[in-house]
Amino acid sequence: MLNTEWGLMIWTFVTFGIAVFVLWKYAFGPLQRVIDERRDRIQQSIDTAEQTRAEAAKLLAEYKETLARVRHEANEILQRSQQAGEEARAQLVGEARQEADRLVGKAHEQIERDTQAALQRLRDEVADLTLLATQKVAGKVLSGEDHRRLIEQALKEAHLEDLELGTRG
């Protein structure tokens, strides 16, 4: 089946060896260098990508930490401003209450003064009317003591003695 010719076989091996040598010298060597260079570039790209990924992870962690710190500071600022607002509101309400109390006190004082002045005018008018009525009825001028006694009697009759001031006129 197989026909083995030794001479052809030797020349085939020699040709094959020369072809392998030529290919090794001029084809496989440059191909191997290209493959090695490509492998090196790929490895460098992988290393660079791994380094970039590590830096990105570090930056992401720093960003998250900064974001958390900023949120915390913002919450503190918000709480302080709310507290300051509450304190200012409480202070304004307190001042407004003090002012209202002061105004109410002044109004009470003014009402008391006006009431006393009105009572004094009423007493004076009652005294004048009593004096006139007495002069017309009695037909004479009264002394100071008579005048005072008649005024007090008229006030008692008019039920105004409860409205008198502490001083008499």
Protein backbone atom coordinates (compact mmCIF):
# COMPACT_ATOMS: atom_id res chain seq x y z
CA MET A 1 0.00 0.00 0.00
CA LEU A 2 2.45 2.53 0.88
CA ASN A 3 5.29 2.78 -1.40
CA THR A 4 8.35 3.85 0.51
CA GLU A 5 11.14 5.27 -1.48
CA TRP A 6 14.00 6.19 0.68
CA GLY A 7 15.51 8.80 -1.52
CA LEU A 8 12.31 10.74 -1.92
CA MET A 9 11.74 10.50 1.76
CA ILE A 10 15.14 11.97 2.57
CA TRP A 11 14.67 14.81 0.13
CA THR A 12 11.26 15.47 1.60
CA PHE A 13 12.76 15.65 5.10
CA VAL A 14 15.57 17.89 3.89
CA THR A 15 13.11 20.18 2.11
CA PHE A 16 10.85 20.14 5.10
CA GLY A 17 13.77 21.00 7.40
CA ILE A 18 14.87 23.86 5.14
CA ALA A 19 11.28 25.13 4.98
CA VAL A 20 10.98 24.92 8.77
CA PHE A 21 14.34 26.71 9.18
CA VAL A 22 13.40 29.47 6.70
CA LEU A 23 9.98 29.85 8.24
CA TRP A 24 11.49 29.86 11.72
CA LYS A 25 14.11 32.41 10.78
CA TYR A 26 11.97 34.75 8.67
CA ALA A 27 8.33 34.07 9.52
CA PHE A 28 7.90 32.54 12.98
CA GLY A 29 10.41 34.88 14.67
CA PRO A 30 8.77 38.09 13.45
CA LEU A 31 5.33 36.57 14.05
CA GLN A 32 6.36 35.60 17.56
CA ARG A 33 7.70 39.15 18.17
CA VAL A 34 4.39 40.62 16.91
CA ILE A 35 2.47 38.20 19.13
CA ASP A 36 4.71 39.04 22.13
CA GLU A 37 4.36 42.78 21.49
CA ARG A 38 0.61 42.42 21.21
CA ARG A 39 0.54 40.34 24.39
CA ASP A 40 2.58 43.05 26.15
CA ARG A 41 0.24 45.81 24.89
CA ILE A 42 -2.79 43.81 26.01
CA GLN A 43 -1.19 43.22 29.41
CA GLN A 44 -0.37 46.93 29.71
CA SER A 45 -3.95 47.79 28.76
CA ILE A 46 -5.22 45.35 31.38
CA ASP A 47 -2.85 46.81 33.98
CA THR A 48 -3.86 50.36 33.05
CA ALA A 49 -7.54 49.41 33.17
CA GLU A 50 -7.04 47.75 36.55
CA GLN A 51 -5.21 50.83 37.83
CA THR A 52 -7.93 53.12 36.44
CA ARG A 53 -10.60 50.92 38.03
CA ALA A 54 -8.81 51.10 41.40
CA GLU A 55 -8.53 54.90 41.12
CA ALA A 56 -12.18 55.14 40.12
CA ALA A 57 -13.16 53.01 43.12
CA LYS A 58 -11.05 55.24 45.37
CA LEU A 59 -12.61 58.40 43.90
CA LEU A 60 -16.08 56.90 44.30
CA ALA A 61 -15.38 56.14 47.95
CA GLU A 62 -14.07 59.68 48.49
CA TYR A 63 -17.12 61.10 46.69
CA LYS A 64 -19.48 59.06 48.86
CA GLU A 65 -17.64 60.14 52.00
CA THR A 66 -17.71 63.79 50.93
CA LEU A 67 -21.38 63.54 50.01
CA ALA A 68 -22.22 62.01 53.39
CA ARG A 69 -20.23 64.73 55.18
CA VAL A 70 -21.94 67.48 53.16
CA ARG A 71 -25.37 66.01 53.88
CA HIS A 72 -24.54 65.82 57.57
CA GLU A 73 -23.34 69.45 57.58
CA ALA A 74 -26.45 70.53 55.66
CA ASN A 75 -28.66 68.81 58.23
CA GLU A 76 -26.75 70.50 61.06
CA ILE A 77 -27.11 73.89 59.37
CA LEU A 78 -30.81 73.26 58.84
CA GLN A 79 -31.28 72.27 62.48
CA ARG A 80 -29.35 75.32 63.69
CA SER A 81 -31.38 77.63 61.46
CA GLN A 82 -34.64 76.06 62.65
CA GLN A 83 -33.51 76.44 66.26
CA ALA A 84 -32.48 80.05 65.65
CA GLY A 85 -35.86 80.70 64.01
CA GLU A 86 -37.68 79.20 66.97
CA GLU A 87 -35.60 81.25 69.40
CA ALA A 88 -36.22 84.43 67.39
CA ARG A 89 -39.94 83.65 67.23
CA ALA A 90 -40.06 83.01 70.98
CA GLN A 91 -38.16 86.23 71.64
CA LEU A 92 -40.48 88.23 69.36
CA VAL A 93 -43.54 86.68 70.98
CA GLY A 94 -42.15 87.50 74.44
CA GLU A 95 -41.38 91.07 73.43
CA ALA A 96 -44.83 91.41 71.86
CA ARG A 97 -46.44 90.11 75.05
CA GLN A 98 -44.42 92.53 77.17
CA GLU A 99 -45.38 95.39 74.87
CA ALA A 100 -49.04 94.33 74.96
CA ASP A 101 -48.93 94.09 78.76
CA ARG A 102 -47.31 97.51 78.94
CA LEU A 103 -49.95 99.01 76.61
CA VAL A 104 -52.76 97.35 78.56
CA GLY A 105 -51.30 98.74 81.79
CA LYS A 106 -51.07 102.22 80.27
CA ALA A 107 -54.64 101.88 79.01
CA HIS A 108 -55.82 100.87 82.50
CA GLU A 109 -53.98 103.83 83.97
CA GLN A 110 -55.51 106.17 81.40
CA ILE A 111 -58.97 104.71 82.02
CA GLU A 112 -58.47 105.17 85.76
CA ARG A 113 -57.34 108.79 85.27
CA ASP A 114 -60.25 109.47 82.91
CA THR A 115 -62.69 107.84 85.32
CA GLN A 116 -61.35 109.85 88.24
CA ALA A 117 -61.49 113.04 86.19
CA ALA A 118 -65.07 112.29 85.14
CA LEU A 119 -66.02 111.55 88.76
CA GLN A 120 -64.39 114.79 89.87
CA ARG A 121 -66.33 116.74 87.21
CA LEU A 122 -69.51 114.94 88.25
CA ARG A 123 -68.85 115.80 91.90
CA ASP A 124 -68.16 119.39 90.97
CA GLU A 125 -71.36 119.60 88.95
CA VAL A 126 -73.37 117.95 91.71
CA ALA A 127 -71.83 120.40 94.18
CA ASP A 128 -72.64 123.34 91.94
CA LEU A 129 -76.18 122.13 91.40
CA THR A 130 -76.61 121.50 95.11
CA LEU A 131 -75.26 124.94 95.90
CA LEU A 132 -77.59 126.57 93.38
CA ALA A 133 -80.54 124.57 94.60
CA THR A 134 -79.72 125.44 98.21
CA GLN A 135 -79.29 129.10 97.44
CA LYS A 136 -82.61 129.19 95.66
CA VAL A 137 -84.36 127.28 98.41
CA ALA A 138 -82.67 128.99 101.33
CA GLY A 139 -82.07 132.30 99.65
CA LYS A 140 -78.64 132.77 101.25
CA VAL A 141 -74.93 132.16 100.56
CA LEU A 142 -73.38 129.25 102.47
CA SER A 143 -70.09 129.11 104.29
CA GLY A 144 -67.29 126.71 103.26
CA GLU A 145 -68.20 124.21 105.97
CA ASP A 146 -71.89 124.28 105.05
CA HIS A 147 -70.97 123.94 101.43
CA ARG A 148 -68.81 120.85 102.11
CA ARG A 149 -71.49 119.23 104.30
CA LEU A 150 -74.14 119.70 101.65
CA ILE A 151 -71.91 118.23 98.95
CA GLU A 152 -71.23 115.13 101.01
CA GLN A 153 -74.90 114.72 101.78
CA ALA A 154 -75.83 115.09 98.09
CA LEU A 155 -73.22 112.55 97.10
CA LYS A 156 -74.55 110.07 99.61
CA GLU A 157 -78.03 110.57 98.30
CA ALA A 158 -76.85 110.14 94.71
CA HIS A 159 -74.95 106.96 95.71
CA LEU A 160 -71.67 108.35 94.42
CA GLU A 161 -69.68 107.94 97.62
CA ASP A 162 -68.29 104.58 96.32
CA LEU A 163 -66.82 106.36 93.31
CA GLU A 164 -64.94 109.01 95.30
CA LEU A 165 -61.22 109.56 95.05
CA GLY A 166 -58.99 109.17 98.02
CA THR A 167 -58.80 113.01 98.33
CA ARG A 168 -61.73 115.35 98.71
CA GLY A 169 -62.00 118.76 97.09
